[in-house]
PDB file of N, CA and C in Angstrom:
ATOM      1  N   ASP A   1       0.837  -1.186   0.000  1.00  0.00           N
ATOM      2  CA  ASP A   1       0.000   0.000   0.000  1.00  0.00           C
ATOM      3  C   ASP A   1       0.877   1.243   0.000  1.00  0.00           C
ATOM      4  N   HIS A   2       0.389   2.237  -0.690  1.00  0.00           N
ATOM      5  CA  HIS A   2       1.148   3.480  -0.716  1.00  0.00           C
ATOM      6  C   HIS A   2       1.096   4.117   0.664  1.00  0.00           C
ATOM      7  N   LEU A   3       2.223   4.608   1.120  1.00  0.00           N
ATOM      8  CA  LEU A   3       2.317   5.141   2.478  1.00  0.00           C
ATOM      9  C   LEU A   3       1.787   6.563   2.599  1.00  0.00           C
ATOM     10  N   GLN A   4       1.599   7.253   1.493  1.00  0.00           N
ATOM     11  CA  GLN A   4       1.121   8.634   1.547  1.00  0.00           C
ATOM     12  C   GLN A   4      -0.263   8.745   0.906  1.00  0.00           C
ATOM     13  N   ARG A   5      -1.192   7.995   1.451  1.00  0.00           N
ATOM     14  CA  ARG A   5      -2.549   7.936   0.904  1.00  0.00           C
ATOM     15  C   ARG A   5      -3.191   9.321   0.827  1.00  0.00           C
ATOM     16  N   ARG A   6      -2.911  10.166   1.792  1.00  0.00           N
ATOM     17  CA  ARG A   6      -3.519  11.502   1.819  1.00  0.00           C
ATOM     18  C   ARG A   6      -3.183  12.286   0.550  1.00  0.00           C
ATOM     19  N   LYS A   7      -1.974  12.133   0.036  1.00  0.00           N
ATOM     20  CA  LYS A   7      -1.600  12.820  -1.204  1.00  0.00           C
ATOM     21  C   LYS A   7      -2.484  12.362  -2.366  1.00  0.00           C
ATOM     22  N   PHE A   8      -2.796  11.072  -2.401  1.00  0.00           N
ATOM     23  CA  PHE A   8      -3.679  10.552  -3.443  1.00  0.00           C
ATOM     24  C   PHE A   8      -5.091  11.098  -3.278  1.00  0.00           C
ATOM     25  N   GLU A   9      -5.557  11.215  -2.040  1.00  0.00           N
ATOM     26  CA  GLU A   9      -6.890  11.758  -1.793  1.00  0.00           C
ATOM     27  C   GLU A   9      -6.989  13.193  -2.300  1.00  0.00           C
ATOM     28  N   LEU A  10      -5.978  13.990  -1.990  1.00  0.00           N
ATOM     29  CA  LEU A  10      -5.976  15.385  -2.432  1.00  0.00           C
ATOM     30  C   LEU A  10      -5.873  15.483  -3.956  1.00  0.00           C
ATOM     31  N   TYR A  11      -5.034  14.660  -4.557  1.00  0.00           N
ATOM     32  CA  TYR A  11      -4.873  14.653  -6.014  1.00  0.00           C
ATOM     33  C   TYR A  11      -6.176  14.253  -6.695  1.00  0.00           C
ATOM     34  N   ALA A  12      -6.829  13.235  -6.157  1.00  0.00           N
ATOM     35  CA  ALA A  12      -8.102  12.776  -6.722  1.00  0.00           C
ATOM     36  C   ALA A  12      -9.169  13.859  -6.603  1.00  0.00           C
ATOM     37  N   ALA A  13      -9.228  14.531  -5.468  1.00  0.00           N
ATOM     38  CA  ALA A  13     -10.211  15.597  -5.281  1.00  0.00           C
ATOM     39  C   ALA A  13      -9.989  16.723  -6.294  1.00  0.00           C
ATOM     40  N   GLU A  14      -8.737  17.009  -6.593  1.00  0.00           N
ATOM     41  CA  GLU A  14      -8.411  18.079  -7.534  1.00  0.00           C
ATOM     42  C   GLU A  14      -8.714  17.691  -8.986  1.00  0.00           C
ATOM     43  N   HIS A  15      -8.545  16.419  -9.334  1.00  0.00           N
ATOM     44  CA  HIS A  15      -8.627  16.011 -10.735  1.00  0.00           C
ATOM     45  C   HIS A  15      -9.838  15.155 -11.098  1.00  0.00           C
ATOM     46  N   ALA A  16     -10.703  14.850 -10.153  1.00  0.00           N
ATOM     47  CA  ALA A  16     -11.839  13.953 -10.415  1.00  0.00           C
ATOM     48  C   ALA A  16     -12.707  14.442 -11.567  1.00  0.00           C
ATOM     49  N   LYS A  17     -13.007  15.721 -11.607  1.00  0.00           N
ATOM     50  CA  LYS A  17     -13.858  16.271 -12.668  1.00  0.00           C
ATOM     51  C   LYS A  17     -13.254  16.008 -14.039  1.00  0.00           C
ATOM     52  N   SER A  18     -11.962  16.243 -14.200  1.00  0.00           N
ATOM     53  CA  SER A  18     -11.339  16.029 -15.515  1.00  0.00           C
ATOM     54  C   SER A  18     -11.277  14.545 -15.862  1.00  0.00           C
ATOM     55  N   TRP A  19     -11.137  13.671 -14.874  1.00  0.00           N
ATOM     56  CA  TRP A  19     -11.123  12.227 -15.136  1.00  0.00           C
ATOM     57  C   TRP A  19     -12.480  11.778 -15.661  1.00  0.00           C
ATOM     58  N   TYR A  20     -13.553  12.230 -14.995  1.00  0.00           N
ATOM     59  CA  TYR A  20     -14.903  11.881 -15.453  1.00  0.00           C
ATOM     60  C   TYR A  20     -15.185  12.487 -16.827  1.00  0.00           C
ATOM     61  N   ASP A  21     -14.745  13.710 -17.039  1.00  0.00           N
ATOM     62  CA  ASP A  21     -14.935  14.350 -18.338  1.00  0.00           C
ATOM     63  C   ASP A  21     -14.257  13.524 -19.432  1.00  0.00           C
ATOM     64  N   HIS A  22     -13.071  13.040 -19.178  1.00  0.00           N
ATOM     65  CA  HIS A  22     -12.353  12.220 -20.161  1.00  0.00           C
ATOM     66  C   HIS A  22     -13.085  10.900 -20.430  1.00  0.00           C
ATOM     67  N   VAL A  23     -13.552  10.249 -19.379  1.00  0.00           N
ATOM     68  CA  VAL A  23     -14.243   8.964 -19.546  1.00  0.00           C
ATOM     69  C   VAL A  23     -15.551   9.149 -20.313  1.00  0.00           C
ATOM     70  N   ILE A  24     -16.334  10.156 -19.935  1.00  0.00           N
ATOM     71  CA  ILE A  24     -17.656  10.348 -20.536  1.00  0.00           C
ATOM     72  C   ILE A  24     -17.558  10.985 -21.922  1.00  0.00           C
ATOM     73  N   ASN A  25     -16.818  12.078 -22.032  1.00  0.00           N
ATOM     74  CA  ASN A  25     -16.761  12.807 -23.304  1.00  0.00           C
ATOM     75  C   ASN A  25     -15.625  12.339 -24.210  1.00  0.00           C
ATOM     76  N   GLY A  26     -14.489  12.032 -23.641  1.00  0.00           N
ATOM     77  CA  GLY A  26     -13.348  11.599 -24.444  1.00  0.00           C
ATOM     78  C   GLY A  26     -13.456  10.163 -24.918  1.00  0.00           C
ATOM     79  N   LEU A  27     -13.875   9.267 -24.035  1.00  0.00           N
ATOM     80  CA  LEU A  27     -13.979   7.848 -24.382  1.00  0.00           C
ATOM     81  C   LEU A  27     -15.387   7.435 -24.791  1.00  0.00           C
ATOM     82  N   GLY A  28     -16.359   8.336 -24.552  1.00  0.00           N
ATOM     83  CA  GLY A  28     -17.732   8.039 -24.939  1.00  0.00           C
ATOM     84  C   GLY A  28     -18.412   6.996 -24.073  1.00  0.00           C
ATOM     85  N   ARG A  29     -17.995   6.875 -22.848  1.00  0.00           N
ATOM     86  CA  ARG A  29     -18.602   5.901 -21.935  1.00  0.00           C
ATOM     87  C   ARG A  29     -19.672   6.585 -21.093  1.00  0.00           C
ATOM     88  N   GLU A  30     -20.556   5.772 -20.534  1.00  0.00           N
ATOM     89  CA  GLU A  30     -21.562   6.304 -19.617  1.00  0.00           C
ATOM     90  C   GLU A  30     -20.895   6.624 -18.283  1.00  0.00           C
ATOM     91  N   ALA A  31     -21.594   7.425 -17.483  1.00  0.00           N
ATOM     92  CA  ALA A  31     -21.086   7.711 -16.145  1.00  0.00           C
ATOM     93  C   ALA A  31     -20.838   6.389 -15.436  1.00  0.00           C
ATOM     94  N   CYS A  32     -19.708   6.276 -14.813  1.00  0.00           N
ATOM     95  CA  CYS A  32     -19.313   5.006 -14.205  1.00  0.00           C
ATOM     96  C   CYS A  32     -18.594   5.279 -12.891  1.00  0.00           C
ATOM     97  N   SER A  33     -18.126   4.242 -12.273  1.00  0.00           N
ATOM     98  CA  SER A  33     -17.334   4.377 -11.058  1.00  0.00           C
ATOM     99  C   SER A  33     -15.858   4.330 -11.426  1.00  0.00           C
ATOM    100  N   LEU A  34     -15.103   5.233 -10.880  1.00  0.00           N
ATOM    101  CA  LEU A  34     -13.656   5.248 -11.076  1.00  0.00           C
ATOM    102  C   LEU A  34     -12.982   4.908  -9.755  1.00  0.00           C
ATOM    103  N   TYR A  35     -11.898   4.182  -9.846  1.00  0.00           N
ATOM    104  CA  TYR A  35     -11.145   3.794  -8.659  1.00  0.00           C
ATOM    105  C   TYR A  35      -9.685   4.155  -8.858  1.00  0.00           C
ATOM    106  N   LEU A  36      -9.082   4.706  -7.834  1.00  0.00           N
ATOM    107  CA  LEU A  36      -7.652   4.986  -7.828  1.00  0.00           C
ATOM    108  C   LEU A  36      -7.019   3.951  -6.904  1.00  0.00           C
ATOM    109  N   ILE A  37      -6.265   3.033  -7.473  1.00  0.00           N
ATOM    110  CA  ILE A  37      -5.692   1.926  -6.715  1.00  0.00           C
ATOM    111  C   ILE A  37      -4.476   2.410  -5.938  1.00  0.00           C
ATOM    112  N   THR A  38      -4.471   2.141  -4.636  1.00  0.00           N
ATOM    113  CA  THR A  38      -3.349   2.539  -3.781  1.00  0.00           C
ATOM    114  C   THR A  38      -2.633   1.348  -3.157  1.00  0.00           C
ATOM    115  N   GLY A  39      -3.184   0.160  -3.322  1.00  0.00           N
ATOM    116  CA  GLY A  39      -2.531  -1.026  -2.770  1.00  0.00           C
ATOM    117  C   GLY A  39      -3.156  -2.292  -3.309  1.00  0.00           C
ATOM    118  N   TYR A  40      -2.431  -3.402  -3.186  1.00  0.00           N
ATOM    119  CA  TYR A  40      -2.933  -4.679  -3.683  1.00  0.00           C
ATOM    120  C   TYR A  40      -2.233  -5.831  -2.979  1.00  0.00           C
ATOM    121  N   ASP A  41      -2.852  -6.986  -3.047  1.00  0.00           N
ATOM    122  CA  ASP A  41      -2.257  -8.240  -2.592  1.00  0.00           C
ATOM    123  C   ASP A  41      -2.226  -9.167  -3.790  1.00  0.00           C
ATOM    124  N   LYS A  42      -1.080  -9.796  -4.003  1.00  0.00           N
ATOM    125  CA  LYS A  42      -0.932 -10.709  -5.135  1.00  0.00           C
ATOM    126  C   LYS A  42      -0.529 -12.084  -4.624  1.00  0.00           C
ATOM    127  N   ALA A  43      -0.789 -13.084  -5.434  1.00  0.00           N
ATOM    128  CA  ALA A  43      -0.459 -14.458  -5.062  1.00  0.00           C
ATOM    129  C   ALA A  43      -0.040 -15.234  -6.309  1.00  0.00           C
ATOM    130  N   ARG A  44       0.777 -16.270  -6.104  1.00  0.00           N
ATOM    131  CA  ARG A  44       1.166 -17.131  -7.221  1.00  0.00           C
ATOM    132  C   ARG A  44       0.008 -18.013  -7.642  1.00  0.00           C
ATOM    133  N   ALA A  45      -0.752 -18.495  -6.684  1.00  0.00           N
ATOM    134  CA  ALA A  45      -1.902 -19.354  -6.968  1.00  0.00           C
ATOM    135  C   ALA A  45      -3.142 -18.723  -6.343  1.00  0.00           C
ATOM    136  N   TRP A  46      -4.264 -18.880  -7.017  1.00  0.00           N
ATOM    137  CA  TRP A  46      -5.487 -18.243  -6.539  1.00  0.00           C
ATOM    138  C   TRP A  46      -6.702 -19.074  -6.942  1.00  0.00           C
ATOM    139  N   GLY A  47      -7.784 -18.811  -6.265  1.00  0.00           N
ATOM    140  CA  GLY A  47      -9.056 -19.430  -6.603  1.00  0.00           C
ATOM    141  C   GLY A  47     -10.180 -18.484  -6.233  1.00  0.00           C
ATOM    142  N   VAL A  48     -11.232 -18.509  -7.018  1.00  0.00           N
ATOM    143  CA  VAL A  48     -12.382 -17.661  -6.750  1.00  0.00           C
ATOM    144  C   VAL A  48     -13.641 -18.471  -7.028  1.00  0.00           C
ATOM    145  N   SER A  49     -14.645 -18.236  -6.234  1.00  0.00           N
ATOM    146  CA  SER A  49     -15.894 -18.956  -6.408  1.00  0.00           C
ATOM    147  C   SER A  49     -17.048 -18.034  -6.044  1.00  0.00           C
ATOM    148  N   SER A  50     -18.180 -18.244  -6.703  1.00  0.00           N
ATOM    149  CA  SER A  50     -19.361 -17.440  -6.389  1.00  0.00           C
ATOM    150  C   SER A  50     -20.609 -18.292  -6.546  1.00  0.00           C
ATOM    151  N   PHE A  51     -21.642 -17.884  -5.832  1.00  0.00           N
ATOM    152  CA  PHE A  51     -22.913 -18.592  -5.939  1.00  0.00           C
ATOM    153  C   PHE A  51     -24.040 -17.605  -5.724  1.00  0.00           C
ATOM    154  N   ASP A  52     -25.208 -17.969  -6.214  1.00  0.00           N
ATOM    155  CA  ASP A  52     -26.378 -17.118  -6.084  1.00  0.00           C
ATOM    156  C   ASP A  52     -27.598 -18.006  -5.908  1.00  0.00           C
ATOM    157  N   GLY A  53     -28.345 -17.764  -4.882  1.00  0.00           N
ATOM    158  CA  GLY A  53     -29.590 -18.481  -4.661  1.00  0.00           C
ATOM    159  C   GLY A  53     -29.429 -19.926  -4.235  1.00  0.00           C
ATOM    160  N   ALA A  54     -28.265 -20.290  -3.745  1.00  0.00           N
ATOM    161  CA  ALA A  54     -28.057 -21.676  -3.303  1.00  0.00           C
ATOM    162  C   ALA A  54     -28.802 -21.913  -1.989  1.00  0.00           C
ATOM    163  N   GLU A  55     -29.301 -23.116  -1.835  1.00  0.00           N
ATOM    164  CA  GLU A  55     -29.978 -23.461  -0.590  1.00  0.00           C
ATOM    165  C   GLU A  55     -28.964 -23.547   0.544  1.00  0.00           C
ATOM    166  N   GLU A  56     -29.416 -23.187   1.739  1.00  0.00           N
ATOM    167  CA  GLU A  56     -28.546 -23.238   2.906  1.00  0.00           C
ATOM    168  C   GLU A  56     -27.959 -24.638   3.066  1.00  0.00           C
ATOM    169  N   GLY A  57     -26.655 -24.690   3.248  1.00  0.00           N
ATOM    170  CA  GLY A  57     -25.967 -25.964   3.437  1.00  0.00           C
ATOM    171  C   GLY A  57     -25.629 -26.702   2.155  1.00  0.00           C
ATOM    172  N   SER A  58     -26.000 -26.127   0.983  1.00  0.00           N
ATOM    173  CA  SER A  58     -25.754 -26.846  -0.273  1.00  0.00           C
ATOM    174  C   SER A  58     -24.424 -26.491  -0.932  1.00  0.00           C
ATOM    175  N   VAL A  59     -23.764 -25.434  -0.470  1.00  0.00           N
ATOM    176  CA  VAL A  59     -22.494 -25.031  -1.071  1.00  0.00           C
ATOM    177  C   VAL A  59     -21.357 -25.753  -0.365  1.00  0.00           C
ATOM    178  N   SER A  60     -20.570 -26.470  -1.147  1.00  0.00           N
ATOM    179  CA  SER A  60     -19.448 -27.226  -0.602  1.00  0.00           C
ATOM    180  C   SER A  60     -18.294 -27.161  -1.592  1.00  0.00           C
ATOM    181  N   MET A  61     -17.093 -26.837  -1.101  1.00  0.00           N
ATOM    182  CA  MET A  61     -15.938 -26.701  -1.980  1.00  0.00           C
ATOM    183  C   MET A  61     -14.702 -27.311  -1.346  1.00  0.00           C
ATOM    184  N   ASP A  62     -13.859 -27.902  -2.177  1.00  0.00           N
ATOM    185  CA  ASP A  62     -12.538 -28.370  -1.772  1.00  0.00           C
ATOM    186  C   ASP A  62     -11.528 -27.721  -2.704  1.00  0.00           C
ATOM    187  N   PHE A  63     -10.690 -26.861  -2.169  1.00  0.00           N
ATOM    188  CA  PHE A  63      -9.642 -26.181  -2.933  1.00  0.00           C
ATOM    189  C   PHE A  63      -8.333 -26.845  -2.544  1.00  0.00           C
ATOM    190  N   VAL A  64      -7.746 -27.599  -3.456  1.00  0.00           N
ATOM    191  CA  VAL A  64      -6.615 -28.462  -3.099  1.00  0.00           C
ATOM    192  C   VAL A  64      -5.447 -28.290  -4.075  1.00  0.00           C
ATOM    193  N   PRO A  65      -4.224 -28.624  -3.620  1.00  0.00           N
ATOM    194  CA  PRO A  65      -3.067 -28.572  -4.511  1.00  0.00           C
ATOM    195  C   PRO A  65      -2.962 -29.843  -5.346  1.00  0.00           C
ATOM    196  N   ARG A  66      -2.310 -29.722  -6.496  1.00  0.00           N
ATOM    197  CA  ARG A  66      -1.979 -30.893  -7.304  1.00  0.00           C
ATOM    198  C   ARG A  66      -0.737 -30.553  -8.133  1.00  0.00           C
ATOM    199  N   TRP A  67       0.005 -31.584  -8.462  1.00  0.00           N
ATOM    200  CA  TRP A  67       1.181 -31.415  -9.314  1.00  0.00           C
ATOM    201  C   TRP A  67       0.730 -31.383 -10.765  1.00  0.00           C
ATOM    202  N   THR A  68       1.310 -30.494 -11.541  1.00  0.00           N
ATOM    203  CA  THR A  68       0.991 -30.449 -12.963  1.00  0.00           C
ATOM    204  C   THR A  68       2.000 -31.297 -13.721  1.00  0.00           C
ATOM    205  N   GLN A  69       1.546 -31.955 -14.733  1.00  0.00           N
ATOM    206  CA  GLN A  69       2.409 -32.828 -15.518  1.00  0.00           C
ATOM    207  C   GLN A  69       3.514 -32.009 -16.188  1.00  0.00           C
ATOM    208  N   GLY A  70       4.751 -32.485 -16.050  1.00  0.00           N
ATOM    209  CA  GLY A  70       5.887 -31.811 -16.659  1.00  0.00           C
ATOM    210  C   GLY A  70       6.352 -30.576 -15.920  1.00  0.00           C
ATOM    211  N   SER A  71       5.894 -30.389 -14.693  1.00  0.00           N
ATOM    212  CA  SER A  71       6.280 -29.210 -13.922  1.00  0.00           C
ATOM    213  C   SER A  71       6.577 -29.611 -12.492  1.00  0.00           C
ATOM    214  N   SER A  72       7.456 -28.859 -11.868  1.00  0.00           N
ATOM    215  CA  SER A  72       7.743 -29.112 -10.458  1.00  0.00           C
ATOM    216  C   SER A  72       6.936 -28.181  -9.559  1.00  0.00           C
ATOM    217  N   MET A  73       5.992 -27.457 -10.154  1.00  0.00           N
ATOM    218  CA  MET A  73       5.193 -26.495  -9.403  1.00  0.00           C
ATOM    219  C   MET A  73       3.827 -27.065  -9.047  1.00  0.00           C
ATOM    220  N   LEU A  74       3.382 -26.711  -7.880  1.00  0.00           N
ATOM    221  CA  LEU A  74       2.014 -27.039  -7.488  1.00  0.00           C
ATOM    222  C   LEU A  74       1.057 -26.029  -8.109  1.00  0.00           C
ATOM    223  N   GLU A  75      -0.101 -26.503  -8.493  1.00  0.00           N
ATOM    224  CA  GLU A  75      -1.197 -25.606  -8.829  1.00  0.00           C
ATOM    225  C   GLU A  75      -2.344 -25.954  -7.893  1.00  0.00           C
ATOM    226  N   TYR A  76      -3.302 -25.091  -7.813  1.00  0.00           N
ATOM    227  CA  TYR A  76      -4.447 -25.327  -6.937  1.00  0.00           C
ATOM    228  C   TYR A  76      -5.705 -25.330  -7.781  1.00  0.00           C
ATOM    229  N   TRP A  77      -6.653 -26.154  -7.401  1.00  0.00           N
ATOM    230  CA  TRP A  77      -7.890 -26.264  -8.156  1.00  0.00           C
ATOM    231  C   TRP A  77      -9.023 -26.668  -7.223  1.00  0.00           C
ATOM    232  N   PHE A  78     -10.243 -26.449  -7.687  1.00  0.00           N
ATOM    233  CA  PHE A  78     -11.420 -26.856  -6.929  1.00  0.00           C
ATOM    234  C   PHE A  78     -11.746 -28.295  -7.305  1.00  0.00           C
ATOM    235  N   ARG A  79     -11.361 -29.218  -6.444  1.00  0.00           N
ATOM    236  CA  ARG A  79     -11.655 -30.632  -6.676  1.00  0.00           C
ATOM    237  C   ARG A  79     -13.157 -30.864  -6.588  1.00  0.00           C
ATOM    238  N   LYS A  80     -13.794 -30.110  -5.714  1.00  0.00           N
ATOM    239  CA  LYS A  80     -15.235 -30.220  -5.516  1.00  0.00           C
ATOM    240  C   LYS A  80     -15.786 -28.811  -5.396  1.00  0.00           C
ATOM    241  N   CYS A  81     -16.857 -28.536  -6.108  1.00  0.00           N
ATOM    242  CA  CYS A  81     -17.469 -27.214  -6.038  1.00  0.00           C
ATOM    243  C   CYS A  81     -18.957 -27.372  -6.340  1.00  0.00           C
ATOM    244  N   ASP A  82     -19.722 -27.725  -5.320  1.00  0.00           N
ATOM    245  CA  ASP A  82     -21.158 -27.951  -5.471  1.00  0.00           C
ATOM    246  C   ASP A  82     -21.929 -26.645  -5.331  1.00  0.00           C
ATOM    247  N   SER A  83     -22.860 -26.415  -6.226  1.00  0.00           N
ATOM    248  CA  SER A  83     -23.774 -25.259  -6.201  1.00  0.00           C
ATOM    249  C   SER A  83     -23.069 -23.925  -6.393  1.00  0.00           C
ATOM    250  N   ALA A  84     -21.895 -23.920  -7.016  1.00  0.00           N
ATOM    251  CA  ALA A  84     -21.171 -22.667  -7.221  1.00  0.00           C
ATOM    252  C   ALA A  84     -20.372 -22.729  -8.517  1.00  0.00           C
ATOM    253  N   GLU A  85     -20.054 -21.559  -9.029  1.00  0.00           N
ATOM    254  CA  GLU A  85     -19.143 -21.426 -10.168  1.00  0.00           C
ATOM    255  C   GLU A  85     -17.763 -21.136  -9.603  1.00  0.00           C
ATOM    256  N   SER A  86     -16.720 -21.692 -10.210  1.00  0.00           N
ATOM    257  CA  SER A  86     -15.383 -21.462  -9.676  1.00  0.00           C
ATOM    258  C   SER A  86     -14.357 -21.379 -10.792  1.00  0.00           C
ATOM    259  N   SER A  87     -13.239 -20.774 -10.462  1.00  0.00           N
ATOM    260  CA  SER A  87     -12.108 -20.681 -11.367  1.00  0.00           C
ATOM    261  C   SER A  87     -10.851 -20.617 -10.519  1.00  0.00           C
ATOM    262  N   SER A  88      -9.752 -21.096 -11.057  1.00  0.00           N
ATOM    263  CA  SER A  88      -8.488 -21.034 -10.332  1.00  0.00           C
ATOM    264  C   SER A  88      -7.354 -20.923 -11.330  1.00  0.00           C
ATOM    265  N   GLY A  89      -6.205 -20.511 -10.844  1.00  0.00           N
ATOM    266  CA  GLY A  89      -5.044 -20.381 -11.704  1.00  0.00           C
ATOM    267  C   GLY A  89      -3.788 -20.286 -10.875  1.00  0.00           C
ATOM    268  N   ALA A  90      -2.660 -20.417 -11.543  1.00  0.00           N
ATOM    269  CA  ALA A  90      -1.376 -20.322 -10.855  1.00  0.00           C
ATOM    270  C   ALA A  90      -0.316 -19.875 -11.844  1.00  0.00           C
ATOM    271  N   ASP A  91       0.644 -19.133 -11.352  1.00  0.00           N
ATOM    272  CA  ASP A  91       1.800 -18.740 -12.136  1.00  0.00           C
ATOM    273  C   ASP A  91       2.763 -19.913 -12.136  1.00  0.00           C
ATOM    274  N   ASN A  92       3.295 -20.277 -13.283  1.00  0.00           N
ATOM    275  CA  ASN A  92       4.159 -21.450 -13.323  1.00  0.00           C
ATOM    276  C   ASN A  92       5.613 -21.152 -12.973  1.00  0.00           C
ATOM    277  N   THR A  93       5.909 -19.931 -12.568  1.00  0.00           N
ATOM    278  CA  THR A  93       7.250 -19.574 -12.124  1.00  0.00           C
ATOM    279  C   THR A  93       7.213 -19.301 -10.631  1.00  0.00           C
ATOM    280  N   TYR A  94       7.959 -20.088  -9.872  1.00  0.00           N
ATOM    281  CA  TYR A  94       7.950 -19.909  -8.423  1.00  0.00           C
ATOM    282  C   TYR A  94       8.470 -18.515  -8.085  1.00  0.00           C
ATOM    283  N   GLY A  95       7.831 -17.866  -7.166  1.00  0.00           N
ATOM    284  CA  GLY A  95       8.227 -16.523  -6.760  1.00  0.00           C
ATOM    285  C   GLY A  95       7.447 -15.437  -7.480  1.00  0.00           C
ATOM    286  N   ASN A  96       6.959 -15.735  -8.684  1.00  0.00           N
ATOM    287  CA  ASN A  96       6.106 -14.761  -9.366  1.00  0.00           C
ATOM    288  C   ASN A  96       4.765 -14.716  -8.651  1.00  0.00           C
ATOM    289  N   GLN A  97       4.241 -13.550  -8.545  1.00  0.00           N
ATOM    290  CA  GLN A  97       2.914 -13.387  -7.961  1.00  0.00           C
ATOM    291  C   GLN A  97       2.096 -12.548  -8.932  1.00  0.00           C
ATOM    292  N   SER A  98       1.625 -13.194  -9.985  1.00  0.00           N
ATOM    293  CA  SER A  98       0.944 -12.460 -11.042  1.00  0.00           C
ATOM    294  C   SER A  98      -0.564 -12.390 -10.857  1.00  0.00           C
ATOM    295  N   GLY A  99      -1.098 -13.099  -9.877  1.00  0.00           N
ATOM    296  CA  GLY A  99      -2.537 -13.065  -9.646  1.00  0.00           C
ATOM    297  C   GLY A  99      -2.892 -12.048  -8.581  1.00  0.00           C
ATOM    298  N   CYS A 100      -3.607 -11.000  -8.973  1.00  0.00           N
ATOM    299  CA  CYS A 100      -4.017  -9.978  -8.011  1.00  0.00           C
ATOM    300  C   CYS A 100      -5.306 -10.439  -7.344  1.00  0.00           C
ATOM    301  N   VAL A 101      -5.257 -10.651  -6.034  1.00  0.00           N
ATOM    302  CA  VAL A 101      -6.421 -11.194  -5.343  1.00  0.00           C
ATOM    303  C   VAL A 101      -7.206 -10.150  -4.547  1.00  0.00           C
ATOM    304  N   PHE A 102      -6.574  -9.047  -4.186  1.00  0.00           N
ATOM    305  CA  PHE A 102      -7.276  -7.968  -3.481  1.00  0.00           C
ATOM    306  C   PHE A 102      -6.730  -6.629  -3.961  1.00  0.00           C
ATOM    307  N   LEU A 103      -7.625  -5.660  -4.131  1.00  0.00           N
ATOM    308  CA  LEU A 103      -7.256  -4.289  -4.458  1.00  0.00           C
ATOM    309  C   LEU A 103      -7.771  -3.372  -3.364  1.00  0.00           C
ATOM    310  N   ARG A 104      -7.004  -2.322  -3.090  1.00  0.00           N
ATOM    311  CA  ARG A 104      -7.440  -1.290  -2.156  1.00  0.00           C
ATOM    312  C   ARG A 104      -7.238   0.068  -2.827  1.00  0.00           C
ATOM    313  N   GLY A 105      -8.090   0.988  -2.501  1.00  0.00           N
ATOM    314  CA  GLY A 105      -7.938   2.299  -3.103  1.00  0.00           C
ATOM    315  C   GLY A 105      -9.080   3.224  -2.763  1.00  0.00           C
ATOM    316  N   LEU A 106      -9.243   4.203  -3.617  1.00  0.00           N
ATOM    317  CA  LEU A 106     -10.247   5.237  -3.413  1.00  0.00           C
ATOM    318  C   LEU A 106     -11.302   5.141  -4.509  1.00  0.00           C
ATOM    319  N   ARG A 107     -12.544   5.176  -4.123  1.00  0.00           N
ATOM    320  CA  ARG A 107     -13.625   5.266  -5.108  1.00  0.00           C
ATOM    321  C   ARG A 107     -13.818   6.745  -5.399  1.00  0.00           C
ATOM    322  N   ILE A 108     -13.667   7.100  -6.644  1.00  0.00           N
ATOM    323  CA  ILE A 108     -13.756   8.499  -7.047  1.00  0.00           C
ATOM    324  C   ILE A 108     -15.194   8.788  -7.468  1.00  0.00           C
ATOM    325  N   ALA A 109     -15.793   9.778  -6.844  1.00  0.00           N
ATOM    326  CA  ALA A 109     -17.175  10.127  -7.160  1.00  0.00           C
ATOM    327  C   ALA A 109     -17.323  11.641  -7.155  1.00  0.00           C
ATOM    328  N   ILE A 110     -18.182  12.118  -8.037  1.00  0.00           N
ATOM    329  CA  ILE A 110     -18.538  13.535  -8.032  1.00  0.00           C
ATOM    330  C   ILE A 110     -20.047  13.632  -8.184  1.00  0.00           C
ATOM    331  N   ARG A 111     -20.587  14.746  -7.757  1.00  0.00           N
ATOM    332  CA  ARG A 111     -22.030  14.940  -7.850  1.00  0.00           C
ATOM    333  C   ARG A 111     -22.456  15.051  -9.307  1.00  0.00           C
ATOM    334  N   GLU A 112     -23.642  14.527  -9.609  1.00  0.00           N
ATOM    335  CA  GLU A 112     -24.190  14.586 -10.970  1.00  0.00           C
ATOM    336  C   GLU A 112     -24.213  16.021 -11.493  1.00  0.00           C
ATOM    337  N   SER A 113     -24.470  16.987 -10.629  1.00  0.00           N
ATOM    338  CA  SER A 113     -24.570  18.378 -11.068  1.00  0.00           C
ATOM    339  C   SER A 113     -23.240  18.912 -11.601  1.00  0.00           C
ATOM    340  N   PHE A 114     -22.124  18.233 -11.278  1.00  0.00           N
ATOM    341  CA  PHE A 114     -20.826  18.679 -11.767  1.00  0.00           C
ATOM    342  C   PHE A 114     -20.472  18.067 -13.108  1.00  0.00           C
ATOM    343  N   LEU A 115     -21.232  17.056 -13.560  1.00  0.00           N
ATOM    344  CA  LEU A 115     -20.918  16.395 -14.833  1.00  0.00           C
ATOM    345  C   LEU A 115     -21.351  17.227 -15.965  1.00  0.00           C
TER     346      LEU A 115
END
């Protein structure tokens, strides 16, 4: 995480209007949410799962390691994932952490009357 978060807050407050103007008028996008990322957590291996409307007690998952053929690296996968959608991945180079699992930052917002 950036150690001088306050500087980012002040910078965002000063430039938010021009950022939204660029997104809406320059890129032709609808009004949206903008985020200024100030920190992150990364991992070599990751897994994500989501579910909607599952009955209580029906979601069950096993996230386990396995060796990949022709590699000395472990990867992780959902061996079992009942009532949910899941995905997983791993970087095949030990020490690389290419999977971003958490982001932290500032949500940039301005009043509609300023757009």
